[in-house]
């Protein structure tokens, strides 16, 4: 097939993102296992974590990290961070649902908020860079990897203003998995330290 024909059939970044949004339109819940790589450019360190994430509309989420063991539980107002090894829990207000947890929110209003560009295309996926149109204190760039066959998000990388990158690779993704509401409840065990912010 000629290069010209390939170009005619290639999708633009907006086409890919629109199809991805459509894939999540009827999503009520989301489950995935993930690997997170957190790299601090200034400190010269990278850390790797593995875990599971659960999300259920409208704003319920739970994230479990294996080593070191950490549990994040949120229900739109409070966010609990429980660290069993330290016998400590942190309770704070949840101002915004982390977009790593909610793929539906990640691309909401993307055309007004980001400049989108396909930076890599293989037989299996598209990789799209999303650069904020206006300066933000939260991040410098987002990179989203989207499966070509299913138009599901398979990874998200976030680079903040300090150059720190946090990348989530998702596996065993299940959309509309049956999840009990009890997964999003947290009661601090007796005898642990509770910090409030």
Protein backbone atom coordinates (compact mmCIF):
# COMPACT_ATOMS: atom_id res chain seq x y z
CA UNK A 1 0.00 0.00 0.00
CA UNK A 2 1.39 3.41 -0.92
CA UNK A 3 2.30 6.11 1.59
CA UNK A 4 -0.48 8.26 0.11
CA UNK A 5 -3.11 5.58 0.85
CA UNK A 6 -1.81 5.16 4.39
CA UNK A 7 -2.10 8.89 4.94
CA UNK A 8 -5.68 8.91 3.63
CA UNK A 9 -6.71 6.23 6.12
CA UNK A 10 -4.77 7.63 9.09
CA UNK A 11 -6.82 9.14 11.90
CA UNK A 12 -6.19 12.58 13.32
CA UNK A 13 -5.66 13.07 17.07
CA UNK A 14 -9.15 14.49 17.53
CA UNK A 15 -10.71 11.50 15.73
CA UNK A 16 -8.91 9.08 18.04
CA UNK A 17 -9.90 11.02 21.15
CA UNK A 18 -13.53 11.32 20.05
CA UNK A 19 -13.74 7.56 19.51
CA UNK A 20 -12.13 7.00 22.91
CA UNK A 21 -14.66 9.28 24.60
CA UNK A 22 -17.46 7.32 22.91
CA UNK A 23 -16.01 4.10 24.31
CA UNK A 24 -16.47 5.45 27.86
CA UNK A 25 -19.83 7.21 27.39
CA UNK A 26 -21.83 4.40 28.97
CA UNK A 27 -19.26 3.62 31.64
CA UNK A 28 -20.67 3.30 35.15
CA UNK A 29 -17.68 1.55 36.72
CA UNK A 30 -14.06 0.86 35.90
CA UNK A 31 -11.53 -1.64 37.20
CA UNK A 32 -7.91 -2.10 36.21
CA UNK A 33 -4.62 -3.38 37.48
CA UNK A 34 -1.76 -0.96 36.98
CA UNK A 35 1.94 -0.37 37.15
CA UNK A 36 2.99 3.13 38.14
CA UNK A 37 6.46 4.56 37.51
CA UNK A 38 7.17 7.81 39.34
CA UNK A 39 10.31 9.69 38.28
CA UNK A 40 11.61 12.84 39.96
CA UNK A 41 13.97 14.47 37.49
CA UNK A 42 15.44 16.90 40.01
CA UNK A 43 16.18 14.23 42.62
CA UNK A 44 17.29 11.73 39.98
CA UNK A 45 15.11 8.91 41.31
CA UNK A 46 12.48 6.60 39.87
CA UNK A 47 10.09 4.43 41.88
CA UNK A 48 7.86 1.63 40.65
CA UNK A 49 4.54 0.57 42.16
CA UNK A 50 1.90 -2.01 41.32
CA UNK A 51 -1.73 -1.99 42.32
CA UNK A 52 -5.43 -2.04 41.48
CA UNK A 53 -7.89 0.76 40.91
CA UNK A 54 -11.68 0.84 41.17
CA UNK A 55 -14.01 3.63 40.07
CA UNK A 56 -17.78 3.97 40.17
CA UNK A 57 -19.93 6.92 39.15
CA UNK A 58 -20.46 9.57 40.23
CA UNK A 59 -17.27 10.06 42.30
CA UNK A 60 -16.32 6.88 44.12
CA UNK A 61 -12.84 5.49 43.81
CA UNK A 62 -10.38 3.17 45.48
CA UNK A 63 -6.72 2.61 44.68
CA UNK A 64 -4.60 -0.08 46.31
CA UNK A 65 -0.82 -0.05 46.03
CA UNK A 66 1.01 -3.26 46.93
CA UNK A 67 4.50 -2.28 48.09
CA UNK A 68 4.63 -0.28 50.24
CA UNK A 69 1.00 -1.09 51.11
CA UNK A 70 -1.22 1.98 50.68
CA UNK A 71 -4.96 2.33 50.24
CA UNK A 72 -6.68 5.43 48.82
CA UNK A 73 -10.46 5.69 49.24
CA UNK A 74 -12.59 8.62 48.10
CA UNK A 75 -16.30 9.36 47.79
CA UNK A 76 -16.28 12.88 46.26
CA UNK A 77 -15.72 14.80 49.52
CA UNK A 78 -13.19 13.12 51.82
CA UNK A 79 -10.10 11.27 50.66
CA UNK A 80 -8.58 8.68 52.98
CA UNK A 81 -4.99 7.54 52.58
CA UNK A 82 -4.28 4.52 54.76
CA UNK A 83 -0.72 3.26 55.34
CA UNK A 84 -1.00 0.02 57.37
CA UNK A 85 2.76 -0.43 58.00
CA UNK A 86 2.90 3.01 59.67
CA UNK A 87 -0.42 2.53 61.49
CA UNK A 88 -1.46 5.88 60.10
CA UNK A 89 -4.31 7.33 58.04
CA UNK A 90 -4.65 10.75 56.43
CA UNK A 91 -8.04 12.37 55.85
CA UNK A 92 -8.30 15.33 53.51
CA UNK A 93 -10.80 17.00 51.24
CA UNK A 94 -10.96 15.63 47.74
CA UNK A 95 -11.00 18.70 45.53
CA UNK A 96 -10.74 16.86 42.24
CA UNK A 97 -11.06 13.26 41.10
CA UNK A 98 -7.62 12.09 39.95
CA UNK A 99 -7.86 11.57 36.18
CA UNK A 100 -5.69 8.47 36.47
CA UNK A 101 -8.69 6.90 38.23
CA UNK A 102 -11.46 8.21 35.99
CA UNK A 103 -10.74 7.87 32.25
CA UNK A 104 -14.09 9.51 31.49
CA UNK A 105 -13.02 12.79 33.14
CA UNK A 106 -9.56 12.82 31.58
CA UNK A 107 -10.82 13.68 28.10
CA UNK A 108 -13.84 15.74 29.07
CA UNK A 109 -13.72 19.07 27.20
CA UNK A 110 -10.29 18.19 25.82
CA UNK A 111 -10.72 20.39 22.74
CA UNK A 112 -11.09 23.53 24.84
CA UNK A 113 -8.36 22.61 27.33
CA UNK A 114 -5.59 20.93 25.32
CA UNK A 115 -3.69 20.93 22.07
CA UNK A 116 -3.66 17.29 20.95
CA UNK A 117 -1.05 15.66 18.73
CA UNK A 118 -0.32 12.04 17.80
CA UNK A 119 3.35 11.49 18.63
CA UNK A 120 3.54 7.72 18.04
CA UNK A 121 1.45 5.32 15.98
CA UNK A 122 2.08 1.57 15.83
CA UNK A 123 0.02 -1.41 14.71
CA UNK A 124 -1.34 -1.66 18.26
CA UNK A 125 -1.79 1.82 19.66
CA UNK A 126 -1.84 5.59 19.28
CA UNK A 127 0.16 7.77 21.65
CA UNK A 128 -1.23 11.29 21.97
CA UNK A 129 0.35 14.28 23.71
CA UNK A 130 -2.08 16.69 25.37
CA UNK A 131 -0.55 20.07 26.11
CA UNK A 132 -2.63 22.56 28.16
CA UNK A 133 -3.66 25.62 26.15
CA UNK A 134 -3.30 27.75 29.28
CA UNK A 135 -0.61 27.56 31.97
CA UNK A 136 -1.49 25.36 34.91
CA UNK A 137 0.24 24.67 38.21
CA UNK A 138 -0.75 21.00 38.03
CA UNK A 139 1.04 19.68 34.95
CA UNK A 140 3.04 20.55 31.88
CA UNK A 141 1.92 17.72 29.61
CA UNK A 142 -0.23 14.58 29.53
CA UNK A 143 0.48 11.63 27.29
CA UNK A 144 -2.27 9.10 26.62
CA UNK A 145 -1.75 5.73 24.96
CA UNK A 146 -4.90 4.36 23.29
CA UNK A 147 -5.46 0.83 22.02
CA UNK A 148 -6.18 0.82 18.29
CA UNK A 149 -8.67 -2.05 18.36
CA UNK A 150 -10.76 -1.11 21.40
CA UNK A 151 -10.09 2.64 21.74
CA UNK A 152 -9.49 2.08 25.46
CA UNK A 153 -6.85 3.98 27.40
CA UNK A 154 -3.92 1.69 28.20
CA UNK A 155 -1.58 4.22 29.79
CA UNK A 156 -1.47 7.78 31.09
CA UNK A 157 1.68 9.80 31.79
CA UNK A 158 1.64 13.13 33.60
CA UNK A 159 4.56 15.57 33.65
CA UNK A 160 4.25 18.41 36.14
CA UNK A 161 5.87 21.84 36.11
CA UNK A 162 8.90 20.56 38.06
CA UNK A 163 9.55 17.87 35.43
CA UNK A 164 8.33 15.02 37.63
CA UNK A 165 6.65 12.26 35.63
CA UNK A 166 4.04 9.81 36.89
CA UNK A 167 3.08 7.09 34.42
CA UNK A 168 0.27 4.54 34.81
CA UNK A 169 0.17 1.43 32.60
CA UNK A 170 -3.21 -0.34 32.80
CA UNK A 171 -3.84 -4.08 32.37
CA UNK A 172 -6.87 -6.34 32.91
CA UNK A 173 -9.20 -3.43 32.28
CA UNK A 174 -12.90 -4.12 32.92
CA UNK A 175 -15.50 -1.47 32.07
CA UNK A 176 -18.82 -1.75 33.93
CA UNK A 177 -17.46 -4.42 36.25
CA UNK A 178 -19.83 -5.13 39.14
CA UNK A 179 -18.31 -3.42 42.18
CA UNK A 180 -19.80 -3.33 45.67
CA UNK A 181 -20.31 0.11 47.25
CA UNK A 182 -18.58 -1.28 50.33
CA UNK A 183 -15.30 -1.07 48.41
CA UNK A 184 -15.52 2.71 48.78
CA UNK A 185 -16.11 2.78 52.52
CA UNK A 186 -13.26 3.27 54.96
CA UNK A 187 -13.33 3.01 58.73
CA UNK A 188 -9.98 3.67 60.41
CA UNK A 189 -8.83 0.71 62.52
CA UNK A 190 -8.61 1.38 66.23
CA UNK A 191 -5.32 2.62 67.59
CA UNK A 192 -3.96 4.24 64.43
CA UNK A 193 -2.80 7.83 64.06
CA UNK A 194 -5.19 10.01 62.04
CA UNK A 195 -3.94 13.22 60.42
CA UNK A 196 -6.44 15.76 59.05
CA UNK A 197 -5.69 18.28 56.30
